[in-house]
Amino acid sequence: MPEAIRWTIKVSRDTDLSLRSFLGAQGMKKGDLSKFVEEAVRWRVLERTVQRFKDRNQDVGSGRMEAIINEAVRAVRAEMQAELQAKPKRTRRG
């Protein structure tokens, strides 16, 4: 975990016991609590981001949405291809 930031959080006693029991049953150690919390936060942020995207685009038809996604994929692929072509090629020494 690069540059860890310390958090102080409060949870209910039941949540604490449930989580520690779960982690213990999975063979996780005390230090794994931070990893578990970070992963849970990342998933929750992703879940909320996806839901906001769905809510914002609920009136867009599936065909139109697919076209938007395909265009975005094409643009990213073209950008990546341009970056690859701009890099100097390495030669093999033999």
N, C-alpha and C. Protein backbone atom coordinates (compact mmCIF):
# COMPACT_ATOMS: atom_id res chain seq x y z
N MET A 1 0.86 -1.18 0.00
CA MET A 1 0.00 0.00 0.00
C MET A 1 0.90 1.24 0.00
N PRO A 2 0.98 1.97 -1.10
CA PRO A 2 1.84 3.16 -1.14
C PRO A 2 1.28 4.28 -0.28
N GLU A 3 2.16 4.94 0.45
CA GLU A 3 1.82 6.07 1.31
C GLU A 3 0.48 5.89 2.03
N ALA A 4 0.49 5.05 3.02
CA ALA A 4 -0.72 4.78 3.80
C ALA A 4 -1.09 5.99 4.65
N ILE A 5 -2.37 6.28 4.71
CA ILE A 5 -2.92 7.36 5.53
C ILE A 5 -3.68 6.70 6.68
N ARG A 6 -3.48 7.19 7.87
CA ARG A 6 -4.15 6.61 9.04
C ARG A 6 -5.55 7.21 9.18
N TRP A 7 -6.53 6.34 9.35
CA TRP A 7 -7.90 6.75 9.61
C TRP A 7 -8.26 6.37 11.03
N THR A 8 -9.13 7.16 11.61
CA THR A 8 -9.75 6.78 12.87
C THR A 8 -11.24 6.70 12.59
N ILE A 9 -11.79 5.51 12.76
CA ILE A 9 -13.21 5.33 12.46
C ILE A 9 -13.88 4.67 13.66
N LYS A 10 -15.18 4.83 13.72
CA LYS A 10 -15.97 4.20 14.77
C LYS A 10 -16.98 3.28 14.11
N VAL A 11 -17.09 2.08 14.65
CA VAL A 11 -18.11 1.13 14.21
C VAL A 11 -18.74 0.53 15.46
N SER A 12 -19.89 -0.07 15.27
CA SER A 12 -20.56 -0.69 16.42
C SER A 12 -19.76 -1.91 16.89
N ARG A 13 -19.96 -2.27 18.13
CA ARG A 13 -19.29 -3.44 18.70
C ARG A 13 -19.65 -4.69 17.89
N ASP A 14 -20.93 -4.81 17.49
CA ASP A 14 -21.35 -5.97 16.69
C ASP A 14 -20.60 -6.04 15.37
N THR A 15 -20.45 -4.90 14.70
CA THR A 15 -19.72 -4.87 13.44
C THR A 15 -18.27 -5.28 13.65
N ASP A 16 -17.66 -4.75 14.70
CA ASP A 16 -16.27 -5.08 15.01
C ASP A 16 -16.11 -6.58 15.24
N LEU A 17 -16.96 -7.15 16.06
CA LEU A 17 -16.86 -8.58 16.36
C LEU A 17 -17.13 -9.43 15.12
N SER A 18 -18.13 -9.05 14.34
CA SER A 18 -18.45 -9.79 13.12
C SER A 18 -17.28 -9.77 12.14
N LEU A 19 -16.72 -8.59 11.95
CA LEU A 19 -15.61 -8.47 11.00
C LEU A 19 -14.39 -9.23 11.47
N ARG A 20 -14.04 -9.06 12.73
CA ARG A 20 -12.85 -9.76 13.25
C ARG A 20 -13.04 -11.28 13.23
N SER A 21 -14.25 -11.74 13.51
CA SER A 21 -14.54 -13.18 13.42
C SER A 21 -14.41 -13.66 11.98
N PHE A 22 -14.95 -12.87 11.06
CA PHE A 22 -14.86 -13.22 9.64
C PHE A 22 -13.41 -13.29 9.19
N LEU A 23 -12.64 -12.26 9.52
CA LEU A 23 -11.23 -12.23 9.11
C LEU A 23 -10.47 -13.40 9.72
N GLY A 24 -10.74 -13.69 10.99
CA GLY A 24 -10.08 -14.81 11.64
C GLY A 24 -10.42 -16.14 10.99
N ALA A 25 -11.68 -16.31 10.62
CA ALA A 25 -12.12 -17.55 9.96
C ALA A 25 -11.48 -17.71 8.59
N GLN A 26 -11.11 -16.59 7.96
CA GLN A 26 -10.46 -16.62 6.65
C GLN A 26 -8.95 -16.79 6.77
N GLY A 27 -8.47 -16.87 8.00
CA GLY A 27 -7.03 -17.01 8.22
C GLY A 27 -6.28 -15.70 8.11
N MET A 28 -7.01 -14.60 8.16
CA MET A 28 -6.38 -13.30 8.05
C MET A 28 -5.84 -12.87 9.41
N LYS A 29 -4.82 -12.05 9.36
CA LYS A 29 -4.20 -11.57 10.59
C LYS A 29 -4.64 -10.14 10.89
N LYS A 30 -4.19 -9.61 12.00
CA LYS A 30 -4.60 -8.28 12.45
C LYS A 30 -4.33 -7.21 11.39
N GLY A 31 -3.18 -7.25 10.75
CA GLY A 31 -2.84 -6.25 9.74
C GLY A 31 -3.73 -6.28 8.51
N ASP A 32 -4.44 -7.39 8.32
CA ASP A 32 -5.31 -7.52 7.15
C ASP A 32 -6.59 -6.70 7.26
N LEU A 33 -6.88 -6.18 8.46
CA LEU A 33 -8.07 -5.35 8.64
C LEU A 33 -8.01 -4.13 7.73
N SER A 34 -6.87 -3.47 7.67
CA SER A 34 -6.73 -2.29 6.82
C SER A 34 -6.94 -2.63 5.35
N LYS A 35 -6.37 -3.75 4.92
CA LYS A 35 -6.54 -4.18 3.53
C LYS A 35 -8.01 -4.46 3.23
N PHE A 36 -8.68 -5.11 4.17
CA PHE A 36 -10.09 -5.43 3.99
C PHE A 36 -10.92 -4.16 3.87
N VAL A 37 -10.68 -3.20 4.75
CA VAL A 37 -11.43 -1.94 4.74
C VAL A 37 -11.16 -1.19 3.43
N GLU A 38 -9.90 -1.13 3.01
CA GLU A 38 -9.59 -0.42 1.77
C GLU A 38 -10.30 -1.06 0.58
N GLU A 39 -10.29 -2.38 0.50
CA GLU A 39 -10.97 -3.06 -0.60
C GLU A 39 -12.47 -2.79 -0.55
N ALA A 40 -13.05 -2.84 0.65
CA ALA A 40 -14.49 -2.58 0.80
C ALA A 40 -14.84 -1.16 0.36
N VAL A 41 -14.00 -0.20 0.72
CA VAL A 41 -14.25 1.19 0.33
C VAL A 41 -14.16 1.34 -1.18
N ARG A 42 -13.16 0.72 -1.79
CA ARG A 42 -13.02 0.81 -3.26
C ARG A 42 -14.25 0.23 -3.96
N TRP A 43 -14.72 -0.93 -3.49
CA TRP A 43 -15.90 -1.54 -4.09
C TRP A 43 -17.13 -0.64 -3.92
N ARG A 44 -17.27 -0.04 -2.75
CA ARG A 44 -18.44 0.81 -2.50
C ARG A 44 -18.40 2.06 -3.37
N VAL A 45 -17.22 2.65 -3.53
CA VAL A 45 -17.09 3.82 -4.39
C VAL A 45 -17.43 3.44 -5.83
N LEU A 46 -16.92 2.30 -6.30
CA LEU A 46 -17.23 1.84 -7.65
C LEU A 46 -18.73 1.61 -7.81
N GLU A 47 -19.33 0.95 -6.83
CA GLU A 47 -20.77 0.67 -6.88
C GLU A 47 -21.59 1.96 -6.99
N ARG A 48 -21.23 2.95 -6.18
CA ARG A 48 -21.97 4.22 -6.22
C ARG A 48 -21.72 4.98 -7.52
N THR A 49 -20.50 4.91 -8.04
CA THR A 49 -20.18 5.56 -9.31
C THR A 49 -21.01 4.95 -10.44
N VAL A 50 -21.07 3.63 -10.47
CA VAL A 50 -21.86 2.94 -11.49
C VAL A 50 -23.33 3.31 -11.36
N GLN A 51 -23.84 3.35 -10.14
CA GLN A 51 -25.25 3.69 -9.95
C GLN A 51 -25.55 5.12 -10.41
N ARG A 52 -24.65 6.06 -10.11
CA ARG A 52 -24.84 7.45 -10.58
C ARG A 52 -24.85 7.49 -12.10
N PHE A 53 -23.95 6.73 -12.73
CA PHE A 53 -23.90 6.68 -14.18
C PHE A 53 -25.21 6.12 -14.75
N LYS A 54 -25.70 5.04 -14.14
CA LYS A 54 -26.96 4.45 -14.59
C LYS A 54 -28.12 5.43 -14.42
N ASP A 55 -28.18 6.09 -13.27
CA ASP A 55 -29.26 7.05 -13.02
C ASP A 55 -29.21 8.20 -14.01
N ARG A 56 -28.01 8.71 -14.26
CA ARG A 56 -27.84 9.84 -15.16
C ARG A 56 -28.20 9.48 -16.60
N ASN A 57 -28.02 8.23 -16.97
CA ASN A 57 -28.23 7.82 -18.36
C ASN A 57 -29.43 6.91 -18.56
N GLN A 58 -30.36 6.91 -17.62
CA GLN A 58 -31.50 6.01 -17.72
C GLN A 58 -32.38 6.28 -18.93
N ASP A 59 -32.35 7.51 -19.45
CA ASP A 59 -33.19 7.85 -20.59
C ASP A 59 -32.50 7.61 -21.93
N VAL A 60 -31.25 7.17 -21.90
CA VAL A 60 -30.52 6.89 -23.13
C VAL A 60 -30.81 5.46 -23.55
N GLY A 61 -31.23 5.29 -24.79
CA GLY A 61 -31.55 3.96 -25.29
C GLY A 61 -30.32 3.07 -25.36
N SER A 62 -30.55 1.76 -25.34
CA SER A 62 -29.42 0.82 -25.33
C SER A 62 -28.57 0.93 -26.58
N GLY A 63 -29.20 1.16 -27.73
CA GLY A 63 -28.43 1.31 -28.98
C GLY A 63 -27.54 2.54 -28.94
N ARG A 64 -28.08 3.62 -28.45
CA ARG A 64 -27.30 4.86 -28.34
C ARG A 64 -26.17 4.69 -27.33
N MET A 65 -26.46 4.03 -26.20
CA MET A 65 -25.43 3.81 -25.18
C MET A 65 -24.31 2.94 -25.74
N GLU A 66 -24.67 1.91 -26.48
CA GLU A 66 -23.65 1.04 -27.08
C GLU A 66 -22.78 1.82 -28.07
N ALA A 67 -23.40 2.72 -28.82
CA ALA A 67 -22.63 3.54 -29.76
C ALA A 67 -21.66 4.47 -29.02
N ILE A 68 -22.11 5.05 -27.93
CA ILE A 68 -21.24 5.92 -27.11
C ILE A 68 -20.06 5.12 -26.57
N ILE A 69 -20.34 3.94 -26.05
CA ILE A 69 -19.27 3.09 -25.50
C ILE A 69 -18.29 2.69 -26.59
N ASN A 70 -18.82 2.26 -27.74
CA ASN A 70 -17.94 1.86 -28.84
C ASN A 70 -17.05 3.01 -29.30
N GLU A 71 -17.58 4.20 -29.36
CA GLU A 71 -16.79 5.37 -29.76
C GLU A 71 -15.69 5.65 -28.74
N ALA A 72 -16.03 5.54 -27.46
CA ALA A 72 -15.03 5.76 -26.42
C ALA A 72 -13.92 4.71 -26.49
N VAL A 73 -14.29 3.46 -26.72
CA VAL A 73 -13.29 2.40 -26.85
C VAL A 73 -12.39 2.65 -28.04
N ARG A 74 -12.97 3.05 -29.17
CA ARG A 74 -12.15 3.36 -30.36
C ARG A 74 -11.18 4.49 -30.08
N ALA A 75 -11.65 5.53 -29.40
CA ALA A 75 -10.79 6.67 -29.09
C ALA A 75 -9.63 6.27 -28.19
N VAL A 76 -9.90 5.47 -27.18
CA VAL A 76 -8.84 5.03 -26.26
C VAL A 76 -7.85 4.13 -27.00
N ARG A 77 -8.35 3.23 -27.82
CA ARG A 77 -7.45 2.35 -28.58
C ARG A 77 -6.57 3.15 -29.52
N ALA A 78 -7.14 4.14 -30.18
CA ALA A 78 -6.36 4.97 -31.10
C ALA A 78 -5.28 5.74 -30.33
N GLU A 79 -5.63 6.25 -29.17
CA GLU A 79 -4.67 6.98 -28.34
C GLU A 79 -3.55 6.06 -27.88
N MET A 80 -3.90 4.86 -27.45
CA MET A 80 -2.89 3.90 -27.00
C MET A 80 -1.98 3.49 -28.16
N GLN A 81 -2.56 3.28 -29.32
CA GLN A 81 -1.77 2.91 -30.50
C GLN A 81 -0.80 4.03 -30.87
N ALA A 82 -1.26 5.27 -30.80
CA ALA A 82 -0.39 6.41 -31.11
C ALA A 82 0.76 6.49 -30.11
N GLU A 83 0.48 6.23 -28.84
CA GLU A 83 1.53 6.25 -27.82
C GLU A 83 2.55 5.14 -28.07
N LEU A 84 2.07 3.96 -28.45
CA LEU A 84 2.98 2.86 -28.73
C LEU A 84 3.87 3.16 -29.93
N GLN A 85 3.30 3.77 -30.95
CA GLN A 85 4.07 4.10 -32.15
C GLN A 85 5.07 5.22 -31.90
N ALA A 86 4.79 6.07 -30.93
CA ALA A 86 5.68 7.19 -30.63
C ALA A 86 6.91 6.75 -29.83
N LYS A 87 6.82 5.61 -29.15
CA LYS A 87 7.95 5.12 -28.36
C LYS A 87 9.01 4.56 -29.29
N PRO A 88 10.29 4.84 -28.98
CA PRO A 88 11.35 4.26 -29.80
C PRO A 88 11.37 2.74 -29.63
N LYS A 89 11.59 2.06 -30.74
CA LYS A 89 11.61 0.60 -30.70
C LYS A 89 12.95 0.12 -30.18
N ARG A 90 12.90 -0.92 -29.37
CA ARG A 90 14.12 -1.54 -28.86
C ARG A 90 14.61 -2.56 -29.88
N THR A 91 15.88 -2.64 -30.02
CA THR A 91 16.45 -3.64 -30.92
C THR A 91 17.08 -4.74 -30.10
N ARG A 92 17.02 -5.93 -30.63
CA ARG A 92 17.61 -7.09 -29.94
C ARG A 92 19.09 -7.16 -30.28
N ARG A 93 19.85 -7.45 -29.28
CA ARG A 93 21.27 -7.67 -29.51
C ARG A 93 21.52 -9.17 -29.49
N GLY A 94 22.29 -9.63 -30.41
CA GLY A 94 22.48 -11.07 -30.47
C GLY A 94 23.88 -11.52 -30.60
